[in-house]
Amino acid sequence: MTYALPPDVIATRTEEGMVLLQETTGRFWMLNDSGAAVVELLKEGTTVPAIVEELSTRFGEDPEQVAADVRALLDQLGKARLVTS
């Protein structure tokens, strides 16, 4: 499964991570650095397994834990309509 940002969601990198703005509602969400990395990789068209591999290597974390964290983030972003699958 692939994910993408809907056309009404703007992602802006910040010093602490990223802000996602949903233009149609005016609501925004703040992501930490690892959440921002997930969104940046999604925007590049990277698959979820490749994101898990990249983040596991980048942050030196257990791939199973990273996979669980990425799934949880995508679930939350999906419920907020900030990503589509």
N, C-alpha and C. Protein backbone atom coordinates (compact mmCIF):
# COMPACT_ATOMS: atom_id res chain seq x y z
N MET A 1 0.84 -1.18 0.00
CA MET A 1 0.00 0.00 0.00
C MET A 1 0.89 1.24 0.00
N THR A 2 0.51 2.22 -0.79
CA THR A 2 1.23 3.49 -0.82
C THR A 2 0.37 4.58 -0.22
N TYR A 3 1.02 5.61 0.27
CA TYR A 3 0.33 6.73 0.90
C TYR A 3 0.78 8.02 0.23
N ALA A 4 -0.08 9.03 0.29
CA ALA A 4 0.24 10.34 -0.25
C ALA A 4 -0.48 11.40 0.57
N LEU A 5 0.00 12.63 0.47
CA LEU A 5 -0.69 13.74 1.10
C LEU A 5 -1.80 14.21 0.16
N PRO A 6 -2.98 14.47 0.67
CA PRO A 6 -4.04 15.01 -0.17
C PRO A 6 -3.65 16.41 -0.67
N PRO A 7 -4.28 16.86 -1.74
CA PRO A 7 -3.93 18.18 -2.29
C PRO A 7 -4.16 19.35 -1.33
N ASP A 8 -5.05 19.18 -0.35
CA ASP A 8 -5.33 20.29 0.58
C ASP A 8 -4.44 20.29 1.81
N VAL A 9 -3.40 19.43 1.83
CA VAL A 9 -2.49 19.37 2.98
C VAL A 9 -1.12 19.92 2.57
N ILE A 10 -0.66 20.90 3.33
CA ILE A 10 0.65 21.50 3.09
C ILE A 10 1.58 21.05 4.22
N ALA A 11 2.76 20.58 3.85
CA ALA A 11 3.76 20.15 4.82
C ALA A 11 4.91 21.15 4.80
N THR A 12 5.25 21.67 5.99
CA THR A 12 6.34 22.64 6.11
C THR A 12 7.30 22.17 7.19
N ARG A 13 8.58 22.06 6.82
CA ARG A 13 9.61 21.64 7.76
C ARG A 13 9.88 22.76 8.74
N THR A 14 10.10 22.41 10.01
CA THR A 14 10.46 23.36 11.05
C THR A 14 11.73 22.87 11.73
N GLU A 15 12.25 23.65 12.66
CA GLU A 15 13.44 23.24 13.40
C GLU A 15 13.18 21.98 14.23
N GLU A 16 11.97 21.84 14.73
CA GLU A 16 11.62 20.73 15.60
C GLU A 16 11.04 19.53 14.86
N GLY A 17 10.66 19.69 13.60
CA GLY A 17 10.03 18.60 12.87
C GLY A 17 9.29 19.11 11.65
N MET A 18 7.95 19.10 11.73
CA MET A 18 7.14 19.50 10.59
C MET A 18 5.76 19.93 11.06
N VAL A 19 5.17 20.85 10.32
CA VAL A 19 3.79 21.25 10.54
C VAL A 19 3.00 20.84 9.30
N LEU A 20 1.87 20.19 9.52
CA LEU A 20 0.94 19.84 8.45
C LEU A 20 -0.28 20.74 8.59
N LEU A 21 -0.61 21.45 7.53
CA LEU A 21 -1.77 22.33 7.52
C LEU A 21 -2.80 21.78 6.55
N GLN A 22 -3.99 21.56 7.05
CA GLN A 22 -5.09 21.13 6.19
C GLN A 22 -5.86 22.39 5.81
N GLU A 23 -5.67 22.82 4.57
CA GLU A 23 -6.22 24.11 4.13
C GLU A 23 -7.74 24.18 4.20
N THR A 24 -8.42 23.09 3.91
CA THR A 24 -9.88 23.14 3.88
C THR A 24 -10.49 23.35 5.26
N THR A 25 -9.80 22.92 6.31
CA THR A 25 -10.33 23.08 7.66
C THR A 25 -9.59 24.13 8.48
N GLY A 26 -8.37 24.47 8.06
CA GLY A 26 -7.55 25.39 8.83
C GLY A 26 -6.87 24.75 10.02
N ARG A 27 -7.03 23.45 10.18
CA ARG A 27 -6.40 22.74 11.30
C ARG A 27 -4.95 22.42 10.95
N PHE A 28 -4.10 22.36 11.98
CA PHE A 28 -2.72 21.99 11.74
C PHE A 28 -2.25 21.01 12.80
N TRP A 29 -1.24 20.24 12.41
CA TRP A 29 -0.66 19.23 13.28
C TRP A 29 0.84 19.41 13.26
N MET A 30 1.45 19.16 14.41
CA MET A 30 2.91 19.24 14.52
C MET A 30 3.47 17.83 14.65
N LEU A 31 4.51 17.56 13.88
CA LEU A 31 5.20 16.27 13.94
C LEU A 31 6.62 16.48 14.45
N ASN A 32 7.12 15.50 15.19
CA ASN A 32 8.51 15.55 15.62
C ASN A 32 9.41 15.18 14.43
N ASP A 33 10.71 15.12 14.66
CA ASP A 33 11.66 14.89 13.58
C ASP A 33 11.45 13.54 12.88
N SER A 34 11.16 12.50 13.64
CA SER A 34 10.96 11.20 13.00
C SER A 34 9.64 11.16 12.23
N GLY A 35 8.61 11.81 12.74
CA GLY A 35 7.35 11.89 11.99
C GLY A 35 7.53 12.69 10.72
N ALA A 36 8.32 13.76 10.79
CA ALA A 36 8.62 14.56 9.61
C ALA A 36 9.36 13.73 8.57
N ALA A 37 10.27 12.89 9.03
CA ALA A 37 11.02 12.03 8.10
C ALA A 37 10.08 11.09 7.37
N VAL A 38 9.09 10.54 8.09
CA VAL A 38 8.11 9.66 7.46
C VAL A 38 7.36 10.40 6.36
N VAL A 39 6.87 11.59 6.66
CA VAL A 39 6.11 12.36 5.68
C VAL A 39 6.98 12.75 4.49
N GLU A 40 8.22 13.17 4.75
CA GLU A 40 9.11 13.52 3.64
C GLU A 40 9.36 12.33 2.72
N LEU A 41 9.56 11.17 3.30
CA LEU A 41 9.78 9.97 2.49
C LEU A 41 8.52 9.58 1.72
N LEU A 42 7.35 9.74 2.35
CA LEU A 42 6.10 9.47 1.64
C LEU A 42 5.95 10.41 0.44
N LYS A 43 6.29 11.68 0.63
CA LYS A 43 6.17 12.65 -0.45
C LYS A 43 7.09 12.29 -1.62
N GLU A 44 8.19 11.60 -1.33
CA GLU A 44 9.11 11.16 -2.38
C GLU A 44 8.64 9.88 -3.06
N GLY A 45 7.54 9.31 -2.57
CA GLY A 45 7.02 8.08 -3.16
C GLY A 45 7.62 6.81 -2.58
N THR A 46 8.29 6.93 -1.45
CA THR A 46 8.92 5.79 -0.80
C THR A 46 7.85 4.88 -0.20
N THR A 47 8.02 3.58 -0.36
CA THR A 47 7.07 2.62 0.21
C THR A 47 7.26 2.52 1.72
N VAL A 48 6.25 2.02 2.40
CA VAL A 48 6.33 1.89 3.85
C VAL A 48 7.48 0.96 4.27
N PRO A 49 7.65 -0.22 3.64
CA PRO A 49 8.80 -1.04 4.04
C PRO A 49 10.15 -0.33 3.85
N ALA A 50 10.27 0.44 2.79
CA ALA A 50 11.52 1.19 2.57
C ALA A 50 11.69 2.30 3.60
N ILE A 51 10.58 2.91 4.02
CA ILE A 51 10.64 3.94 5.07
C ILE A 51 11.13 3.31 6.37
N VAL A 52 10.59 2.15 6.70
CA VAL A 52 11.00 1.45 7.93
C VAL A 52 12.50 1.14 7.88
N GLU A 53 12.95 0.64 6.75
CA GLU A 53 14.38 0.32 6.60
C GLU A 53 15.25 1.57 6.74
N GLU A 54 14.84 2.64 6.07
CA GLU A 54 15.59 3.90 6.13
C GLU A 54 15.66 4.45 7.55
N LEU A 55 14.53 4.49 8.23
CA LEU A 55 14.51 5.06 9.58
C LEU A 55 15.22 4.17 10.59
N SER A 56 15.13 2.87 10.42
CA SER A 56 15.85 1.95 11.31
C SER A 56 17.34 2.20 11.22
N THR A 57 17.81 2.39 10.00
CA THR A 57 19.23 2.65 9.79
C THR A 57 19.61 4.04 10.28
N ARG A 58 18.81 5.04 9.92
CA ARG A 58 19.11 6.43 10.27
C ARG A 58 19.16 6.66 11.76
N PHE A 59 18.19 6.08 12.50
CA PHE A 59 18.10 6.32 13.93
C PHE A 59 18.65 5.18 14.79
N GLY A 60 19.13 4.10 14.14
CA GLY A 60 19.71 2.98 14.87
C GLY A 60 18.71 2.27 15.77
N GLU A 61 17.47 2.17 15.31
CA GLU A 61 16.40 1.56 16.12
C GLU A 61 16.00 0.20 15.56
N ASP A 62 15.34 -0.61 16.40
CA ASP A 62 14.86 -1.93 16.02
C ASP A 62 13.82 -1.81 14.91
N PRO A 63 14.00 -2.52 13.79
CA PRO A 63 13.05 -2.42 12.67
C PRO A 63 11.61 -2.75 13.05
N GLU A 64 11.40 -3.70 13.95
CA GLU A 64 10.03 -4.04 14.36
C GLU A 64 9.37 -2.88 15.10
N GLN A 65 10.13 -2.21 15.95
CA GLN A 65 9.59 -1.05 16.67
C GLN A 65 9.32 0.11 15.72
N VAL A 66 10.25 0.33 14.79
CA VAL A 66 10.06 1.40 13.80
C VAL A 66 8.82 1.11 12.95
N ALA A 67 8.64 -0.14 12.54
CA ALA A 67 7.46 -0.51 11.74
C ALA A 67 6.18 -0.23 12.51
N ALA A 68 6.16 -0.58 13.79
CA ALA A 68 4.97 -0.33 14.62
C ALA A 68 4.71 1.17 14.75
N ASP A 69 5.78 1.93 14.95
CA ASP A 69 5.64 3.39 15.09
C ASP A 69 5.16 4.03 13.79
N VAL A 70 5.69 3.58 12.67
CA VAL A 70 5.27 4.12 11.37
C VAL A 70 3.81 3.78 11.11
N ARG A 71 3.41 2.54 11.38
CA ARG A 71 2.00 2.15 11.20
C ARG A 71 1.08 2.99 12.07
N ALA A 72 1.48 3.22 13.32
CA ALA A 72 0.67 4.03 14.24
C ALA A 72 0.55 5.46 13.73
N LEU A 73 1.64 6.03 13.26
CA LEU A 73 1.61 7.40 12.73
C LEU A 73 0.70 7.47 11.50
N LEU A 74 0.85 6.53 10.57
CA LEU A 74 0.02 6.53 9.37
C LEU A 74 -1.45 6.34 9.70
N ASP A 75 -1.73 5.53 10.72
CA ASP A 75 -3.12 5.35 11.14
C ASP A 75 -3.69 6.67 11.67
N GLN A 76 -2.93 7.36 12.51
CA GLN A 76 -3.38 8.65 13.05
C GLN A 76 -3.54 9.69 11.95
N LEU A 77 -2.57 9.75 11.04
CA LEU A 77 -2.66 10.72 9.94
C LEU A 77 -3.83 10.39 9.02
N GLY A 78 -4.07 9.12 8.82
CA GLY A 78 -5.21 8.70 7.98
C GLY A 78 -6.54 9.09 8.61
N LYS A 79 -6.68 8.87 9.92
CA LYS A 79 -7.91 9.25 10.61
C LYS A 79 -8.15 10.75 10.56
N ALA A 80 -7.07 11.53 10.55
CA ALA A 80 -7.18 12.99 10.47
C ALA A 80 -7.29 13.47 9.02
N ARG A 81 -7.27 12.54 8.09
CA ARG A 81 -7.34 12.84 6.64
C ARG A 81 -6.15 13.66 6.16
N LEU A 82 -4.99 13.37 6.76
CA LEU A 82 -3.77 14.04 6.34
C LEU A 82 -2.96 13.21 5.37
N VAL A 83 -3.29 11.93 5.25
CA VAL A 83 -2.70 11.07 4.22
C VAL A 83 -3.83 10.24 3.62
N THR A 84 -3.61 9.86 2.39
CA THR A 84 -4.55 8.95 1.72
C THR A 84 -3.77 7.72 1.30
N SER A 85 -4.48 6.62 1.17
CA SER A 85 -3.82 5.39 0.75
C SER A 85 -4.43 4.89 -0.54
